Amino acid sequence: MKSKYHSLKEMAINLRKNGRSYSEIITITKTKIPKSTLSTWFSKIYLTNEQKKRIHANIKESSRKGMEVARVVNKRRREKYLQSIIDRNQHLSLTLEDINTSKVVLSILYLAEGAKSMKRGSLYFGNSDPFIIDLFLSLMRKCYTIDESKFRCTLLCRADQNILKLEKLWSKITNIPKKQFYGARIDPRTIGKPSRNLGYKGVCKIDYFSADVFLDLMTVPRIIHKGP
């Protein structure tokens, strides 16, 4: 009668000859055989090229499955982490209902992304992110009595982009009529170079003709922070 050890060894060797990897053999036999022990057991096994190819293919497939499992696990972990960030900041959702807070946020946003010098009595703000443009305009319309006719838009885009389609998109995002759009500016460096980032919608530059609003926005940050 074969001992349990010899039966296990024989089973492992047969699995190896059938193209199984070390990890698969450990899983199938439901044991914790050290890989060093398996290496010793298999040292005298002659494998045909076909068996070697099968082992290589199994290892590759096992690795692929392992990477897929890891990807799913990491995705869930990241989703859980991002949700925890949302949860701990959820109480801030009503902050912008206060107009003074809104004005502080608007002025800091403009300080970061807007023009610091006034041209032709206007301010201008540009970004490629629709969220940031929408946030800026929402705050502008909330904090000031806005004359919508004083808004102008200019699109800065690549040579191979559909300008009419972009204008329609940004007009919808900004709620500024297309008749108030200046001619789009095409970056000459992109001529003959296909866009790689198909999600890129160009930069939307917003002009608003008001020296008073510009000076107001530039003054607020200096009042709340006494810099050098």
C-alpha atoms as a PDB file:
ATOM      1  CA  MET A   1       0.000   0.000   0.000  1.00  0.00           C
ATOM      2  CA  LYS A   2       1.337   3.419  -0.942  1.00  0.00           C
ATOM      3  CA  SER A   3       1.891   5.884   1.823  1.00  0.00           C
ATOM      4  CA  LYS A   4       0.074   9.196   1.792  1.00  0.00           C
ATOM      5  CA  TYR A   5       3.418  10.870   1.009  1.00  0.00           C
ATOM      6  CA  HIS A   6       4.120   8.719  -2.043  1.00  0.00           C
ATOM      7  CA  SER A   7       0.547   9.058  -3.305  1.00  0.00           C
ATOM      8  CA  LEU A   8       0.817  12.833  -3.024  1.00  0.00           C
ATOM      9  CA  LYS A   9       4.204  12.814  -4.765  1.00  0.00           C
ATOM     10  CA  GLU A  10       2.877  10.647  -7.581  1.00  0.00           C
ATOM     11  CA  MET A  11      -0.155  12.883  -7.993  1.00  0.00           C
ATOM     12  CA  ALA A  12       2.041  15.987  -8.102  1.00  0.00           C
ATOM     13  CA  ILE A  13       4.368  14.464 -10.699  1.00  0.00           C
ATOM     14  CA  ASN A  14       1.433  13.460 -12.932  1.00  0.00           C
ATOM     15  CA  LEU A  15       0.005  16.964 -12.673  1.00  0.00           C
ATOM     16  CA  ARG A  16       3.381  18.401 -13.603  1.00  0.00           C
ATOM     17  CA  LYS A  17       3.617  16.145 -16.651  1.00  0.00           C
ATOM     18  CA  ASN A  18       0.178  17.406 -17.668  1.00  0.00           C
ATOM     19  CA  GLY A  19       1.491  20.948 -17.766  1.00  0.00           C
ATOM     20  CA  ARG A  20       0.430  22.211 -14.363  1.00  0.00           C
ATOM     21  CA  SER A  21       2.341  25.018 -12.662  1.00  0.00           C
ATOM     22  CA  TYR A  22       3.586  24.806  -9.068  1.00  0.00           C
ATOM     23  CA  SER A  23       0.782  27.072  -7.832  1.00  0.00           C
ATOM     24  CA  GLU A  24      -1.862  25.005  -9.611  1.00  0.00           C
ATOM     25  CA  ILE A  25      -0.475  21.763  -8.179  1.00  0.00           C
ATOM     26  CA  ILE A  26      -0.601  23.172  -4.648  1.00  0.00           C
ATOM     27  CA  THR A  27      -4.193  24.303  -5.237  1.00  0.00           C
ATOM     28  CA  ILE A  28      -5.343  21.007  -6.785  1.00  0.00           C
ATOM     29  CA  THR A  29      -3.713  18.802  -4.110  1.00  0.00           C
ATOM     30  CA  LYS A  30      -5.073  21.083  -1.364  1.00  0.00           C
ATOM     31  CA  THR A  31      -1.740  20.948   0.455  1.00  0.00           C
ATOM     32  CA  LYS A  32       0.944  23.408   1.428  1.00  0.00           C
ATOM     33  CA  ILE A  33       3.797  21.610  -0.285  1.00  0.00           C
ATOM     34  CA  PRO A  34       6.889  23.851  -0.279  1.00  0.00           C
ATOM     35  CA  LYS A  35       7.917  24.789  -3.795  1.00  0.00           C
ATOM     36  CA  SER A  36      11.428  23.630  -2.941  1.00  0.00           C
ATOM     37  CA  THR A  37       9.996  20.137  -2.321  1.00  0.00           C
ATOM     38  CA  LEU A  38       8.158  20.200  -5.637  1.00  0.00           C
ATOM     39  CA  SER A  39      11.342  21.272  -7.364  1.00  0.00           C
ATOM     40  CA  THR A  40      13.122  18.238  -5.907  1.00  0.00           C
ATOM     41  CA  TRP A  41      10.306  15.887  -6.950  1.00  0.00           C
ATOM     42  CA  PHE A  42      10.320  17.233 -10.484  1.00  0.00           C
ATOM     43  CA  SER A  43      14.088  17.418 -10.956  1.00  0.00           C
ATOM     44  CA  LYS A  44      14.285  14.097 -12.838  1.00  0.00           C
ATOM     45  CA  ILE A  45      11.167  14.610 -14.939  1.00  0.00           C
ATOM     46  CA  TYR A  46      11.792  14.952 -18.649  1.00  0.00           C
ATOM     47  CA  LEU A  47       9.324  17.292 -20.227  1.00  0.00           C
ATOM     48  CA  THR A  48       8.613  17.392 -23.935  1.00  0.00           C
ATOM     49  CA  ASN A  49       8.447  20.692 -25.749  1.00  0.00           C
ATOM     50  CA  GLU A  50       4.668  20.325 -25.831  1.00  0.00           C
ATOM     51  CA  GLN A  51       4.523  19.852 -22.045  1.00  0.00           C
ATOM     52  CA  LYS A  52       6.835  22.853 -21.533  1.00  0.00           C
ATOM     53  CA  LYS A  53       4.587  24.987 -23.766  1.00  0.00           C
ATOM     54  CA  ARG A  54       1.533  23.842 -21.806  1.00  0.00           C
ATOM     55  CA  ILE A  55       3.175  24.742 -18.481  1.00  0.00           C
ATOM     56  CA  HIS A  56       4.209  28.147 -19.850  1.00  0.00           C
ATOM     57  CA  ALA A  57       0.672  28.769 -21.138  1.00  0.00           C
ATOM     58  CA  ASN A  58      -0.854  27.771 -17.779  1.00  0.00           C
ATOM     59  CA  ILE A  59       1.532  30.029 -15.886  1.00  0.00           C
ATOM     60  CA  LYS A  60       0.695  32.905 -18.224  1.00  0.00           C
ATOM     61  CA  GLU A  61      -3.054  32.325 -17.832  1.00  0.00           C
ATOM     62  CA  SER A  62      -2.725  32.011 -14.061  1.00  0.00           C
ATOM     63  CA  SER A  63      -0.799  35.287 -13.988  1.00  0.00           C
ATOM     64  CA  ARG A  64      -3.479  36.971 -16.110  1.00  0.00           C
ATOM     65  CA  LYS A  65      -6.236  35.789 -13.770  1.00  0.00           C
ATOM     66  CA  GLY A  66      -4.216  36.924 -10.769  1.00  0.00           C
ATOM     67  CA  MET A  67      -3.755  40.377 -12.285  1.00  0.00           C
ATOM     68  CA  GLU A  68      -7.472  40.594 -13.063  1.00  0.00           C
ATOM     69  CA  VAL A  69      -8.387  39.671  -9.489  1.00  0.00           C
ATOM     70  CA  ALA A  70      -5.864  42.221  -8.183  1.00  0.00           C
ATOM     71  CA  ARG A  71      -7.310  44.872 -10.511  1.00  0.00           C
ATOM     72  CA  VAL A  72     -10.843  44.248  -9.229  1.00  0.00           C
ATOM     73  CA  VAL A  73      -9.671  44.269  -5.597  1.00  0.00           C
ATOM     74  CA  ASN A  74      -7.699  47.486  -6.100  1.00  0.00           C
ATOM     75  CA  LYS A  75     -10.634  49.112  -7.880  1.00  0.00           C
ATOM     76  CA  ARG A  76     -12.973  48.281  -4.997  1.00  0.00           C
ATOM     77  CA  ARG A  77     -10.413  49.470  -2.467  1.00  0.00           C
ATOM     78  CA  ARG A  78      -9.997  52.765  -4.338  1.00  0.00           C
ATOM     79  CA  GLU A  79     -13.779  53.237  -4.657  1.00  0.00           C
ATOM     80  CA  LYS A  80     -14.129  52.673  -0.921  1.00  0.00           C
ATOM     81  CA  TYR A  81     -11.319  55.146  -0.233  1.00  0.00           C
ATOM     82  CA  LEU A  82     -12.823  57.823  -2.515  1.00  0.00           C
ATOM     83  CA  GLN A  83     -16.234  57.332  -0.895  1.00  0.00           C
ATOM     84  CA  SER A  84     -14.655  57.857   2.527  1.00  0.00           C
ATOM     85  CA  ILE A  85     -13.316  61.229   1.308  1.00  0.00           C
ATOM     86  CA  ILE A  86     -16.796  62.200   0.111  1.00  0.00           C
ATOM     87  CA  ASP A  87     -18.338  61.104   3.422  1.00  0.00           C
ATOM     88  CA  ARG A  88     -15.957  63.116   5.572  1.00  0.00           C
ATOM     89  CA  ASN A  89     -16.561  66.269   3.520  1.00  0.00           C
ATOM     90  CA  GLN A  90     -20.280  65.860   2.909  1.00  0.00           C
ATOM     91  CA  HIS A  91     -21.110  68.436   5.584  1.00  0.00           C
ATOM     92  CA  LEU A  92     -19.559  71.122   3.344  1.00  0.00           C
ATOM     93  CA  SER A  93     -22.236  70.676   0.686  1.00  0.00           C
ATOM     94  CA  LEU A  94     -24.275  73.644   1.920  1.00  0.00           C
ATOM     95  CA  THR A  95     -21.302  75.975   2.426  1.00  0.00           C
ATOM     96  CA  LEU A  96     -21.756  77.904  -0.825  1.00  0.00           C
ATOM     97  CA  GLU A  97     -25.298  78.870   0.120  1.00  0.00           C
ATOM     98  CA  ASP A  98     -23.659  81.680   2.071  1.00  0.00           C
ATOM     99  CA  ILE A  99     -22.882  84.437  -0.434  1.00  0.00           C
ATOM    100  CA  ASN A 100     -19.831  85.680   1.510  1.00  0.00           C
ATOM    101  CA  THR A 101     -18.289  82.216   1.444  1.00  0.00           C
ATOM    102  CA  SER A 102     -19.124  81.961  -2.246  1.00  0.00           C
ATOM    103  CA  LYS A 103     -17.352  85.231  -2.923  1.00  0.00           C
ATOM    104  CA  VAL A 104     -14.232  84.085  -1.083  1.00  0.00           C
ATOM    105  CA  VAL A 105     -14.176  80.840  -3.097  1.00  0.00           C
ATOM    106  CA  LEU A 106     -14.745  82.763  -6.351  1.00  0.00           C
ATOM    107  CA  SER A 107     -11.950  85.236  -5.648  1.00  0.00           C
ATOM    108  CA  ILE A 108      -9.460  82.477  -4.785  1.00  0.00           C
ATOM    109  CA  LEU A 109     -10.488  80.534  -7.894  1.00  0.00           C
ATOM    110  CA  TYR A 110      -9.970  83.633 -10.016  1.00  0.00           C
ATOM    111  CA  LEU A 111      -6.654  84.373  -8.325  1.00  0.00           C
ATOM    112  CA  ALA A 112      -5.461  80.905  -9.344  1.00  0.00           C
ATOM    113  CA  GLU A 113      -6.847  80.664 -12.883  1.00  0.00           C
ATOM    114  CA  GLY A 114      -7.775  84.175 -14.007  1.00  0.00           C
ATOM    115  CA  ALA A 115      -5.790  86.995 -15.577  1.00  0.00           C
ATOM    116  CA  LYS A 116      -4.042  89.163 -12.979  1.00  0.00           C
ATOM    117  CA  SER A 117      -3.976  92.302 -15.108  1.00  0.00           C
ATOM    118  CA  MET A 118      -7.028  94.043 -16.516  1.00  0.00           C
ATOM    119  CA  LYS A 119      -7.289  94.463 -20.279  1.00  0.00           C
ATOM    120  CA  ARG A 120      -9.864  96.709 -21.969  1.00  0.00           C
ATOM    121  CA  GLY A 121     -11.713  97.013 -18.661  1.00  0.00           C
ATOM    122  CA  SER A 122     -12.423  93.299 -18.443  1.00  0.00           C
ATOM    123  CA  LEU A 123     -11.455  90.175 -16.541  1.00  0.00           C
ATOM    124  CA  TYR A 124     -10.829  86.851 -18.181  1.00  0.00           C
ATOM    125  CA  PHE A 125     -10.732  83.301 -16.906  1.00  0.00           C
ATOM    126  CA  GLY A 126      -9.811  80.159 -18.831  1.00  0.00           C
ATOM    127  CA  ASN A 127      -9.690  76.436 -18.297  1.00  0.00           C
ATOM    128  CA  SER A 128     -10.119  73.160 -20.194  1.00  0.00           C
ATOM    129  CA  ASP A 129     -12.177  71.528 -17.443  1.00  0.00           C
ATOM    130  CA  PRO A 130     -15.945  72.060 -17.898  1.00  0.00           C
ATOM    131  CA  PHE A 131     -16.458  71.634 -14.139  1.00  0.00           C
ATOM    132  CA  ILE A 132     -14.108  74.503 -13.305  1.00  0.00           C
ATOM    133  CA  ILE A 133     -15.644  76.776 -15.941  1.00  0.00           C
ATOM    134  CA  ASP A 134     -19.137  75.946 -14.684  1.00  0.00           C
ATOM    135  CA  LEU A 135     -18.095  76.557 -11.062  1.00  0.00           C
ATOM    136  CA  PHE A 136     -16.587  79.934 -11.951  1.00  0.00           C
ATOM    137  CA  LEU A 137     -19.663  81.107 -13.862  1.00  0.00           C
ATOM    138  CA  SER A 138     -22.082  79.800 -11.238  1.00  0.00           C
ATOM    139  CA  LEU A 139     -20.262  81.748  -8.540  1.00  0.00           C
ATOM    140  CA  MET A 140     -20.041  84.860 -10.726  1.00  0.00           C
ATOM    141  CA  ARG A 141     -23.777  84.812 -11.330  1.00  0.00           C
ATOM    142  CA  LYS A 142     -24.454  84.264  -7.660  1.00  0.00           C
ATOM    143  CA  CYS A 143     -22.104  86.866  -6.217  1.00  0.00           C
ATOM    144  CA  TYR A 144     -22.709  89.716  -8.667  1.00  0.00           C
ATOM    145  CA  THR A 145     -25.559  91.260 -10.572  1.00  0.00           C
ATOM    146  CA  ILE A 146     -24.410  90.044 -13.954  1.00  0.00           C
ATOM    147  CA  ASP A 147     -25.151  91.617 -17.311  1.00  0.00           C
ATOM    148  CA  GLU A 148     -25.136  88.502 -19.513  1.00  0.00           C
ATOM    149  CA  SER A 149     -24.476  90.577 -22.637  1.00  0.00           C
ATOM    150  CA  LYS A 150     -21.030  91.448 -21.275  1.00  0.00           C
ATOM    151  CA  PHE A 151     -19.814  87.846 -21.454  1.00  0.00           C
ATOM    152  CA  ARG A 152     -17.583  86.715 -24.320  1.00  0.00           C
ATOM    153  CA  CYS A 153     -16.088  83.273 -25.015  1.00  0.00           C
ATOM    154  CA  THR A 154     -12.986  82.317 -26.939  1.00  0.00           C
ATOM    155  CA  LEU A 155     -12.046  78.699 -27.640  1.00  0.00           C
ATOM    156  CA  LEU A 156      -8.392  77.708 -27.821  1.00  0.00           C
ATOM    157  CA  CYS A 157      -8.196  74.386 -29.633  1.00  0.00           C
ATOM    158  CA  ARG A 158      -6.174  71.980 -31.733  1.00  0.00           C
ATOM    159  CA  ALA A 159      -6.079  72.059 -35.529  1.00  0.00           C
ATOM    160  CA  ASP A 160      -7.949  68.772 -36.027  1.00  0.00           C
ATOM    161  CA  GLN A 161     -10.853  69.593 -33.710  1.00  0.00           C
ATOM    162  CA  ASN A 162     -14.395  70.380 -34.895  1.00  0.00           C
ATOM    163  CA  ILE A 163     -14.807  74.037 -33.918  1.00  0.00           C
ATOM    164  CA  LEU A 164     -18.568  74.217 -34.504  1.00  0.00           C
ATOM    165  CA  LYS A 165     -19.083  71.147 -32.323  1.00  0.00           C
ATOM    166  CA  LEU A 166     -16.874  72.594 -29.583  1.00  0.00           C
ATOM    167  CA  GLU A 167     -18.706  75.932 -29.666  1.00  0.00           C
ATOM    168  CA  LYS A 168     -22.034  74.149 -29.301  1.00  0.00           C
ATOM    169  CA  LEU A 169     -20.685  72.165 -26.341  1.00  0.00           C
ATOM    170  CA  TRP A 170     -19.177  75.147 -24.519  1.00  0.00           C
ATOM    171  CA  SER A 171     -22.224  77.318 -25.225  1.00  0.00           C
ATOM    172  CA  LYS A 172     -24.326  74.700 -23.449  1.00  0.00           C
ATOM    173  CA  ILE A 173     -21.875  74.436 -20.524  1.00  0.00           C
ATOM    174  CA  THR A 174     -21.526  78.200 -20.038  1.00  0.00           C
ATOM    175  CA  ASN A 175     -25.092  79.173 -20.993  1.00  0.00           C
ATOM    176  CA  ILE A 176     -23.548  81.894 -23.159  1.00  0.00           C
ATOM    177  CA  PRO A 177     -25.064  82.268 -26.661  1.00  0.00           C
ATOM    178  CA  LYS A 178     -22.801  81.360 -29.589  1.00  0.00           C
ATOM    179  CA  LYS A 179     -23.268  84.870 -30.983  1.00  0.00           C
ATOM    180  CA  GLN A 180     -21.110  86.032 -28.041  1.00  0.00           C
ATOM    181  CA  PHE A 181     -18.221  83.748 -29.035  1.00  0.00           C
ATOM    182  CA  TYR A 182     -15.131  85.272 -30.613  1.00  0.00           C
ATOM    183  CA  GLY A 183     -13.409  83.339 -33.408  1.00  0.00           C
ATOM    184  CA  ALA A 184     -11.657  80.212 -32.152  1.00  0.00           C
ATOM    185  CA  ARG A 185      -7.875  80.292 -31.893  1.00  0.00           C
ATOM    186  CA  ILE A 186      -6.065  77.255 -33.278  1.00  0.00           C
ATOM    187  CA  ASP A 187      -2.694  76.334 -31.825  1.00  0.00           C
ATOM    188  CA  PRO A 188      -0.376  76.388 -34.888  1.00  0.00           C
ATOM    189  CA  ARG A 189       1.915  73.826 -33.231  1.00  0.00           C
ATOM    190  CA  THR A 190      -0.836  71.191 -33.599  1.00  0.00           C
ATOM    191  CA  ILE A 191      -1.201  71.488 -37.381  1.00  0.00           C
ATOM    192  CA  GLY A 192      -0.613  68.070 -38.940  1.00  0.00           C
ATOM    193  CA  LYS A 193      -0.478  66.386 -35.543  1.00  0.00           C
ATOM    194  CA  PRO A 194      -3.493  64.173 -34.711  1.00  0.00           C
ATOM    195  CA  SER A 195      -4.934  64.627 -31.207  1.00  0.00           C
ATOM    196  CA  ARG A 196      -4.128  61.730 -28.898  1.00  0.00           C
ATOM    197  CA  ASN A 197      -6.471  62.763 -26.108  1.00  0.00           C
ATOM    198  CA  LEU A 198      -9.888  62.418 -27.740  1.00  0.00           C
ATOM    199  CA  GLY A 199     -11.567  63.694 -24.563  1.00  0.00           C
ATOM    200  CA  TYR A 200      -9.813  67.065 -24.794  1.00  0.00           C
ATOM    201  CA  LYS A 201     -12.363  69.808 -25.540  1.00  0.00           C
ATOM    202  CA  GLY A 202      -9.967  72.709 -25.851  1.00  0.00           C
ATOM    203  CA  VAL A 203      -9.639  75.646 -23.477  1.00  0.00           C
ATOM    204  CA  CYS A 204     -12.609  77.910 -22.897  1.00  0.00           C
ATOM    205  CA  LYS A 205     -11.630  81.506 -22.103  1.00  0.00           C
ATOM    206  CA  ILE A 206     -14.328  83.671 -20.528  1.00  0.00           C
ATOM    207  CA  ASP A 207     -14.186  87.465 -20.789  1.00  0.00           C
ATOM    208  CA  TYR A 208     -16.469  89.697 -18.726  1.00  0.00           C
ATOM    209  CA  PHE A 209     -16.437  93.444 -19.314  1.00  0.00           C
ATOM    210  CA  SER A 210     -16.376  94.958 -15.856  1.00  0.00           C
ATOM    211  CA  ALA A 211     -13.456  96.732 -14.238  1.00  0.00           C
ATOM    212  CA  ASP A 212     -15.420  96.876 -10.982  1.00  0.00           C
ATOM    213  CA  VAL A 213     -15.843  93.086 -10.752  1.00  0.00           C
ATOM    214  CA  PHE A 214     -12.176  92.556 -11.652  1.00  0.00           C
ATOM    215  CA  LEU A 215     -10.953  94.919  -8.926  1.00  0.00           C
ATOM    216  CA  ASP A 216     -13.392  93.369  -6.455  1.00  0.00           C
ATOM    217  CA  LEU A 217     -12.115  89.849  -7.122  1.00  0.00           C
ATOM    218  CA  MET A 218      -8.479  90.923  -6.860  1.00  0.00           C
ATOM    219  CA  THR A 219      -9.089  92.793  -3.592  1.00  0.00           C
ATOM    220  CA  VAL A 220     -10.861  90.051  -1.599  1.00  0.00           C
ATOM    221  CA  PRO A 221      -7.873  87.657  -1.303  1.00  0.00           C
ATOM    222  CA  ARG A 222      -5.653  90.489  -0.055  1.00  0.00           C
ATOM    223  CA  ILE A 223      -8.184  91.376   2.603  1.00  0.00           C
ATOM    224  CA  ILE A 224      -8.523  87.812   3.931  1.00  0.00           C
ATOM    225  CA  HIS A 225      -4.801  87.044   3.688  1.00  0.00           C
ATOM    226  CA  LYS A 226      -2.105  89.549   4.569  1.00  0.00           C
ATOM    227  CA  GLY A 227       0.695  88.284   2.304  1.00  0.00           C
ATOM    228  CA  PRO A 228       4.173  89.735   1.871  1.00  0.00           C
END
